[in-house]
C-alpha atoms as a PDB file:
ATOM      1  CA  MET A   1     -32.825 -59.492  25.368  1.00  0.00           C
ATOM      2  CA  SER A   2     -31.385 -61.895  23.103  1.00  0.00           C
ATOM      3  CA  LEU A   3     -29.169 -60.826  20.316  1.00  0.00           C
ATOM      4  CA  ASN A   4     -29.122 -63.865  18.010  1.00  0.00           C
ATOM      5  CA  HIS A   5     -28.102 -63.181  14.502  1.00  0.00           C
ATOM      6  CA  PRO A   6     -28.039 -65.765  12.012  1.00  0.00           C
ATOM      7  CA  PHE A   7     -25.003 -64.010  10.361  1.00  0.00           C
ATOM      8  CA  GLU A   8     -22.790 -61.876  12.445  1.00  0.00           C
ATOM      9  CA  ILE A   9     -20.853 -59.127  10.704  1.00  0.00           C
ATOM     10  CA  LEU A  10     -17.882 -57.481  12.298  1.00  0.00           C
ATOM     11  CA  LYS A  11     -15.733 -55.470   9.846  1.00  0.00           C
ATOM     12  CA  VAL A  12     -13.020 -52.629  10.181  1.00  0.00           C
ATOM     13  CA  TYR A  13     -11.803 -49.934   7.896  1.00  0.00           C
ATOM     14  CA  PRO A  14      -8.883 -49.339   7.613  1.00  0.00           C
ATOM     15  CA  ASN A  15      -7.695 -52.937   8.222  1.00  0.00           C
ATOM     16  CA  ILE A  16      -4.304 -51.420   8.896  1.00  0.00           C
ATOM     17  CA  GLY A  17      -2.965 -48.217  10.600  1.00  0.00           C
ATOM     18  CA  ASN A  18       0.116 -46.516   9.462  1.00  0.00           C
ATOM     19  CA  VAL A  19       0.997 -43.263  11.234  1.00  0.00           C
ATOM     20  CA  SER A  20       3.858 -40.787  11.575  1.00  0.00           C
ATOM     21  CA  SER A  21       6.265 -40.571  14.744  1.00  0.00           C
ATOM     22  CA  ASP A  22       4.313 -37.595  15.962  1.00  0.00           C
ATOM     23  CA  GLU A  23       1.600 -38.050  18.846  1.00  0.00           C
ATOM     24  CA  GLY A  24      -1.810 -38.198  17.240  1.00  0.00           C
ATOM     25  CA  CYS A  25      -4.839 -40.472  16.607  1.00  0.00           C
ATOM     26  CA  ILE A  26      -6.318 -42.516  14.028  1.00  0.00           C
ATOM     27  CA  LYS A  27     -10.142 -43.469  13.647  1.00  0.00           C
ATOM     28  CA  PHE A  28     -11.275 -46.832  12.488  1.00  0.00           C
ATOM     29  CA  ASP A  29     -14.969 -47.467  11.278  1.00  0.00           C
ATOM     30  CA  ILE A  30     -16.782 -50.573  12.206  1.00  0.00           C
ATOM     31  CA  ILE A  31     -19.491 -52.346  10.121  1.00  0.00           C
ATOM     32  CA  SER A  32     -21.199 -54.745  12.504  1.00  0.00           C
ATOM     33  CA  ASN A  33     -24.509 -55.989  13.659  1.00  0.00           C
ATOM     34  CA  VAL A  34     -23.196 -57.400  16.962  1.00  0.00           C
ATOM     35  CA  ILE A  35     -21.951 -55.815  20.337  1.00  0.00           C
ATOM     36  CA  TRP A  36     -18.196 -55.192  19.730  1.00  0.00           C
ATOM     37  CA  HIS A  37     -15.309 -54.315  22.082  1.00  0.00           C
ATOM     38  CA  VAL A  38     -11.753 -52.757  21.436  1.00  0.00           C
ATOM     39  CA  THR A  39      -8.538 -52.817  23.275  1.00  0.00           C
ATOM     40  CA  SER A  40      -4.969 -52.531  22.784  1.00  0.00           C
ATOM     41  CA  ASP A  41      -1.817 -54.522  23.741  1.00  0.00           C
ATOM     42  CA  SER A  42       0.290 -51.290  24.175  1.00  0.00           C
ATOM     43  CA  ILE A  43       1.152 -48.759  26.893  1.00  0.00           C
ATOM     44  CA  TRP A  44       1.952 -46.125  23.803  1.00  0.00           C
ATOM     45  CA  CYS A  45      -1.435 -46.798  21.847  1.00  0.00           C
ATOM     46  CA  LYS A  46      -4.637 -46.465  23.639  1.00  0.00           C
ATOM     47  CA  ALA A  47      -7.972 -47.464  22.125  1.00  0.00           C
ATOM     48  CA  ALA A  48     -10.935 -48.748  24.371  1.00  0.00           C
ATOM     49  CA  ASP A  49     -14.341 -48.660  23.281  1.00  0.00           C
ATOM     50  CA  SER A  50     -17.756 -50.798  23.175  1.00  0.00           C
ATOM     51  CA  GLN A  51     -21.043 -50.362  20.959  1.00  0.00           C
ATOM     52  CA  LEU A  52     -23.630 -52.286  19.517  1.00  0.00           C
ATOM     53  CA  GLY A  53     -23.468 -52.448  15.612  1.00  0.00           C
ATOM     54  CA  ASN A  54     -21.859 -49.613  13.479  1.00  0.00           C
ATOM     55  CA  GLY A  55     -19.709 -47.333  14.814  1.00  0.00           C
ATOM     56  CA  SER A  56     -16.100 -45.990  15.076  1.00  0.00           C
ATOM     57  CA  PHE A  57     -13.285 -45.729  17.596  1.00  0.00           C
ATOM     58  CA  ILE A  58     -10.131 -43.800  18.071  1.00  0.00           C
ATOM     59  CA  ALA A  59      -7.029 -44.909  18.818  1.00  0.00           C
ATOM     60  CA  LYS A  60      -4.591 -42.343  20.297  1.00  0.00           C
ATOM     61  CA  PHE A  61      -0.718 -42.998  20.325  1.00  0.00           C
ATOM     62  CA  THR A  62       2.196 -40.973  21.955  1.00  0.00           C
ATOM     63  CA  GLU A  63       5.253 -39.482  20.245  1.00  0.00           C
ATOM     64  CA  ASN A  64       7.906 -42.297  19.145  1.00  0.00           C
ATOM     65  CA  LYS A  65      11.263 -41.153  19.624  1.00  0.00           C
ATOM     66  CA  GLY A  66      12.708 -44.489  18.930  1.00  0.00           C
ATOM     67  CA  LYS A  67      12.645 -47.165  16.127  1.00  0.00           C
ATOM     68  CA  GLU A  68       9.442 -48.280  14.345  1.00  0.00           C
ATOM     69  CA  ARG A  69       7.128 -49.874  16.573  1.00  0.00           C
ATOM     70  CA  LYS A  70       3.872 -51.780  16.292  1.00  0.00           C
ATOM     71  CA  ALA A  71       0.509 -52.328  18.383  1.00  0.00           C
ATOM     72  CA  LEU A  72      -1.885 -54.727  18.057  1.00  0.00           C
ATOM     73  CA  LEU A  73      -5.379 -53.863  18.397  1.00  0.00           C
ATOM     74  CA  PHE A  74      -7.949 -56.499  19.068  1.00  0.00           C
ATOM     75  CA  ILE A  75     -11.896 -56.171  18.114  1.00  0.00           C
ATOM     76  CA  LYS A  76     -14.089 -58.902  19.528  1.00  0.00           C
ATOM     77  CA  GLY A  77     -17.769 -59.467  18.908  1.00  0.00           C
ATOM     78  CA  LEU A  78     -19.776 -62.439  20.018  1.00  0.00           C
ATOM     79  CA  ASN A  79     -17.796 -65.262  18.009  1.00  0.00           C
ATOM     80  CA  LEU A  80     -15.715 -63.031  15.696  1.00  0.00           C
ATOM     81  CA  ASN A  81     -12.219 -61.502  16.238  1.00  0.00           C
ATOM     82  CA  ILE A  82     -10.533 -59.027  14.403  1.00  0.00           C
ATOM     83  CA  HIS A  83      -6.764 -58.278  15.227  1.00  0.00           C
ATOM     84  CA  LEU A  84      -5.122 -54.948  13.624  1.00  0.00           C
ATOM     85  CA  THR A  85      -1.785 -53.717  13.431  1.00  0.00           C
ATOM     86  CA  LEU A  86      -0.779 -50.068  14.100  1.00  0.00           C
ATOM     87  CA  ILE A  87       2.456 -49.122  12.891  1.00  0.00           C
ATOM     88  CA  GLN A  88       4.047 -45.990  14.108  1.00  0.00           C
ATOM     89  CA  GLU A  89       7.134 -44.602  12.285  1.00  0.00           C
ATOM     90  CA  GLY A  90      10.581 -44.097  14.177  1.00  0.00           C
ATOM     91  CA  LYS A  91      11.872 -40.650  14.417  1.00  0.00           C
ATOM     92  CA  LYS A  92      14.154 -39.460  11.568  1.00  0.00           C
END
């Protein structure tokens, strides 16, 4: 099966995530016409999914008892790469 697309599409909404210091999750929506994969660079923020075409993924994060922190989420699809930043507030 060949997946040749003259115009590859890979868009993510929202394009940045700002979350509270509490444990929780945030949903990101994907608009795409290719197979895409998502991963996280952080142990406190878990995101892993893979789909073909439009879809969504959930990034789950632990409580932050310290200062503000950031995690990078990587969405890759064929020749397209998107990096998102998830920013979690520090404990007040």
